[in-house]
Amino acid sequence: MEHMPVFVKVEDYQEVLNLIRLARKKLDEAKETLNKVNELKNEEDHQLEQWHNNLNEVEKKIDFVEHSLNEPENY
């Protein structure tokens, strides 16, 4: 298959280049937004894990107090 030169009007060529630049800019903005959303999700996951751990600690303390009150020590 022989490659033939392609002729494009300069105005059309510039318009295509401008559209490509715009598409690249929008793509970069979308990537940046996605990265920010991912960072927020990671922070949220970390907070949820901390809350879960805190609730487990409170539950252990309540279990201990409840057990202590229901099982008096033998003297």
N, C-alpha and C. Protein backbone atom coordinates (compact mmCIF):
# COMPACT_ATOMS: atom_id res chain seq x y z
N MET A 1 0.85 -1.17 0.00
CA MET A 1 0.00 0.00 0.00
C MET A 1 0.90 1.24 0.00
N GLU A 2 0.72 2.08 -0.95
CA GLU A 2 1.55 3.27 -1.11
C GLU A 2 0.96 4.43 -0.29
N HIS A 3 1.83 5.13 0.43
CA HIS A 3 1.39 6.29 1.21
C HIS A 3 1.40 7.53 0.34
N MET A 4 0.28 8.18 0.32
CA MET A 4 0.16 9.40 -0.49
C MET A 4 0.14 10.59 0.46
N PRO A 5 0.71 11.69 0.06
CA PRO A 5 0.66 12.88 0.92
C PRO A 5 -0.78 13.37 1.07
N VAL A 6 -1.05 13.91 2.24
CA VAL A 6 -2.37 14.44 2.52
C VAL A 6 -2.25 15.96 2.60
N PHE A 7 -3.11 16.63 1.89
CA PHE A 7 -3.09 18.09 1.90
C PHE A 7 -4.29 18.59 2.68
N VAL A 8 -4.02 19.49 3.60
CA VAL A 8 -5.06 20.04 4.45
C VAL A 8 -4.90 21.55 4.45
N LYS A 9 -6.03 22.23 4.42
CA LYS A 9 -5.97 23.69 4.50
C LYS A 9 -5.34 24.09 5.82
N VAL A 10 -4.55 25.14 5.81
CA VAL A 10 -3.89 25.61 7.02
C VAL A 10 -4.92 25.95 8.09
N GLU A 11 -6.02 26.57 7.69
CA GLU A 11 -7.05 26.93 8.67
C GLU A 11 -7.63 25.68 9.33
N ASP A 12 -7.89 24.65 8.51
CA ASP A 12 -8.43 23.39 9.05
C ASP A 12 -7.40 22.72 9.96
N TYR A 13 -6.15 22.76 9.57
CA TYR A 13 -5.07 22.16 10.36
C TYR A 13 -4.98 22.83 11.73
N GLN A 14 -5.03 24.15 11.75
CA GLN A 14 -4.97 24.89 13.01
C GLN A 14 -6.20 24.56 13.87
N GLU A 15 -7.35 24.45 13.24
CA GLU A 15 -8.57 24.13 13.98
C GLU A 15 -8.47 22.74 14.61
N VAL A 16 -7.94 21.79 13.86
CA VAL A 16 -7.75 20.43 14.40
C VAL A 16 -6.77 20.46 15.56
N LEU A 17 -5.67 21.19 15.42
CA LEU A 17 -4.69 21.29 16.51
C LEU A 17 -5.33 21.92 17.76
N ASN A 18 -6.14 22.96 17.54
CA ASN A 18 -6.82 23.61 18.67
C ASN A 18 -7.79 22.65 19.36
N LEU A 19 -8.51 21.86 18.57
CA LEU A 19 -9.44 20.88 19.14
C LEU A 19 -8.69 19.80 19.93
N ILE A 20 -7.55 19.39 19.41
CA ILE A 20 -6.74 18.39 20.12
C ILE A 20 -6.22 18.97 21.43
N ARG A 21 -5.76 20.21 21.40
CA ARG A 21 -5.29 20.86 22.64
C ARG A 21 -6.42 20.96 23.66
N LEU A 22 -7.60 21.34 23.19
CA LEU A 22 -8.76 21.45 24.08
C LEU A 22 -9.12 20.09 24.66
N ALA A 23 -9.12 19.06 23.82
CA ALA A 23 -9.42 17.70 24.29
C ALA A 23 -8.39 17.26 25.33
N ARG A 24 -7.11 17.57 25.10
CA ARG A 24 -6.05 17.21 26.05
C ARG A 24 -6.25 17.95 27.38
N LYS A 25 -6.61 19.23 27.29
CA LYS A 25 -6.85 20.02 28.50
C LYS A 25 -8.01 19.44 29.31
N LYS A 26 -9.10 19.09 28.62
CA LYS A 26 -10.26 18.51 29.30
C LYS A 26 -9.92 17.15 29.90
N LEU A 27 -9.11 16.37 29.21
CA LEU A 27 -8.67 15.08 29.73
C LEU A 27 -7.84 15.28 30.99
N ASP A 28 -6.92 16.22 30.96
CA ASP A 28 -6.08 16.50 32.13
C ASP A 28 -6.94 16.96 33.32
N GLU A 29 -7.93 17.81 33.04
CA GLU A 29 -8.84 18.27 34.10
C GLU A 29 -9.63 17.10 34.68
N ALA A 30 -10.08 16.20 33.82
CA ALA A 30 -10.84 15.03 34.29
C ALA A 30 -9.95 14.13 35.16
N LYS A 31 -8.70 13.94 34.75
CA LYS A 31 -7.77 13.13 35.55
C LYS A 31 -7.53 13.77 36.91
N GLU A 32 -7.36 15.09 36.92
CA GLU A 32 -7.13 15.81 38.18
C GLU A 32 -8.34 15.67 39.10
N THR A 33 -9.53 15.81 38.54
CA THR A 33 -10.75 15.67 39.33
C THR A 33 -10.86 14.25 39.89
N LEU A 34 -10.58 13.27 39.06
CA LEU A 34 -10.64 11.88 39.51
C LEU A 34 -9.63 11.62 40.63
N ASN A 35 -8.45 12.18 40.52
CA ASN A 35 -7.44 12.03 41.58
C ASN A 35 -7.92 12.65 42.88
N LYS A 36 -8.57 13.82 42.80
CA LYS A 36 -9.09 14.47 44.00
C LYS A 36 -10.20 13.63 44.63
N VAL A 37 -11.07 13.08 43.80
CA VAL A 37 -12.15 12.22 44.32
C VAL A 37 -11.55 11.00 44.99
N ASN A 38 -10.52 10.43 44.40
CA ASN A 38 -9.86 9.26 44.98
C ASN A 38 -9.22 9.61 46.33
N GLU A 39 -8.59 10.77 46.41
CA GLU A 39 -7.99 11.20 47.68
C GLU A 39 -9.06 11.37 48.76
N LEU A 40 -10.19 11.98 48.38
CA LEU A 40 -11.28 12.15 49.33
C LEU A 40 -11.83 10.80 49.79
N LYS A 41 -11.95 9.86 48.87
CA LYS A 41 -12.44 8.54 49.21
C LYS A 41 -11.48 7.85 50.18
N ASN A 42 -10.19 7.98 49.92
CA ASN A 42 -9.20 7.38 50.82
C ASN A 42 -9.29 7.99 52.22
N GLU A 43 -9.45 9.32 52.29
CA GLU A 43 -9.61 9.97 53.59
C GLU A 43 -10.88 9.48 54.28
N GLU A 44 -11.95 9.36 53.51
CA GLU A 44 -13.21 8.88 54.08
C GLU A 44 -13.06 7.45 54.60
N ASP A 45 -12.41 6.59 53.84
CA ASP A 45 -12.18 5.21 54.26
C ASP A 45 -11.37 5.18 55.56
N HIS A 46 -10.36 6.04 55.65
CA HIS A 46 -9.53 6.10 56.85
C HIS A 46 -10.37 6.54 58.06
N GLN A 47 -11.20 7.55 57.87
CA GLN A 47 -12.07 8.02 58.96
C GLN A 47 -13.04 6.93 59.40
N LEU A 48 -13.64 6.25 58.43
CA LEU A 48 -14.58 5.17 58.77
C LEU A 48 -13.89 4.06 59.55
N GLU A 49 -12.67 3.74 59.17
CA GLU A 49 -11.91 2.71 59.89
C GLU A 49 -11.63 3.16 61.33
N GLN A 50 -11.28 4.44 61.51
CA GLN A 50 -11.04 4.96 62.86
C GLN A 50 -12.32 4.90 63.69
N TRP A 51 -13.45 5.30 63.11
CA TRP A 51 -14.72 5.24 63.83
C TRP A 51 -15.05 3.80 64.22
N HIS A 52 -14.82 2.89 63.31
CA HIS A 52 -15.08 1.48 63.58
C HIS A 52 -14.21 1.00 64.75
N ASN A 53 -12.93 1.36 64.72
CA ASN A 53 -12.02 0.97 65.81
C ASN A 53 -12.45 1.59 67.14
N ASN A 54 -12.86 2.87 67.10
CA ASN A 54 -13.31 3.52 68.32
C ASN A 54 -14.56 2.85 68.89
N LEU A 55 -15.49 2.50 68.02
CA LEU A 55 -16.71 1.81 68.48
C LEU A 55 -16.37 0.44 69.07
N ASN A 56 -15.42 -0.25 68.48
CA ASN A 56 -14.99 -1.55 69.03
C ASN A 56 -14.39 -1.38 70.41
N GLU A 57 -13.59 -0.33 70.60
CA GLU A 57 -13.00 -0.06 71.92
C GLU A 57 -14.08 0.23 72.95
N VAL A 58 -15.04 1.06 72.58
CA VAL A 58 -16.14 1.38 73.49
C VAL A 58 -16.92 0.11 73.83
N GLU A 59 -17.17 -0.72 72.84
CA GLU A 59 -17.89 -1.97 73.07
C GLU A 59 -17.14 -2.87 74.04
N LYS A 60 -15.82 -2.98 73.89
CA LYS A 60 -15.00 -3.79 74.81
C LYS A 60 -15.10 -3.27 76.23
N LYS A 61 -15.06 -1.95 76.38
CA LYS A 61 -15.13 -1.35 77.72
C LYS A 61 -16.51 -1.59 78.35
N ILE A 62 -17.54 -1.45 77.55
CA ILE A 62 -18.89 -1.71 78.06
C ILE A 62 -19.04 -3.18 78.43
N ASP A 63 -18.52 -4.07 77.60
CA ASP A 63 -18.56 -5.50 77.91
C ASP A 63 -17.83 -5.80 79.23
N PHE A 64 -16.68 -5.16 79.41
CA PHE A 64 -15.91 -5.37 80.64
C PHE A 64 -16.70 -4.91 81.86
N VAL A 65 -17.25 -3.71 81.79
CA VAL A 65 -18.02 -3.17 82.92
C VAL A 65 -19.24 -4.06 83.18
N GLU A 66 -19.93 -4.43 82.13
CA GLU A 66 -21.12 -5.27 82.29
C GLU A 66 -20.75 -6.61 82.92
N HIS A 67 -19.68 -7.22 82.43
CA HIS A 67 -19.22 -8.49 82.97
C HIS A 67 -18.82 -8.34 84.45
N SER A 68 -18.13 -7.26 84.76
CA SER A 68 -17.69 -7.02 86.14
C SER A 68 -18.88 -6.85 87.07
N LEU A 69 -19.92 -6.21 86.64
CA LEU A 69 -21.09 -5.99 87.47
C LEU A 69 -21.91 -7.27 87.62
N ASN A 70 -21.91 -8.12 86.64
CA ASN A 70 -22.70 -9.35 86.69
C ASN A 70 -21.96 -10.50 87.35
N GLU A 71 -20.68 -10.42 87.46
CA GLU A 71 -19.87 -11.49 88.06
C GLU A 71 -19.10 -10.94 89.26
N PRO A 72 -19.73 -10.86 90.38
CA PRO A 72 -19.02 -10.33 91.56
C PRO A 72 -17.83 -11.25 91.91
N GLU A 73 -16.79 -10.62 92.41
CA GLU A 73 -15.58 -11.36 92.76
C GLU A 73 -15.86 -12.24 94.00
N ASN A 74 -15.24 -13.38 94.00
CA ASN A 74 -15.33 -14.28 95.18
C ASN A 74 -14.33 -13.83 96.21
N TYR A 75 -14.80 -13.68 97.44
CA TYR A 75 -13.90 -13.28 98.54
C TYR A 75 -13.59 -14.44 99.39
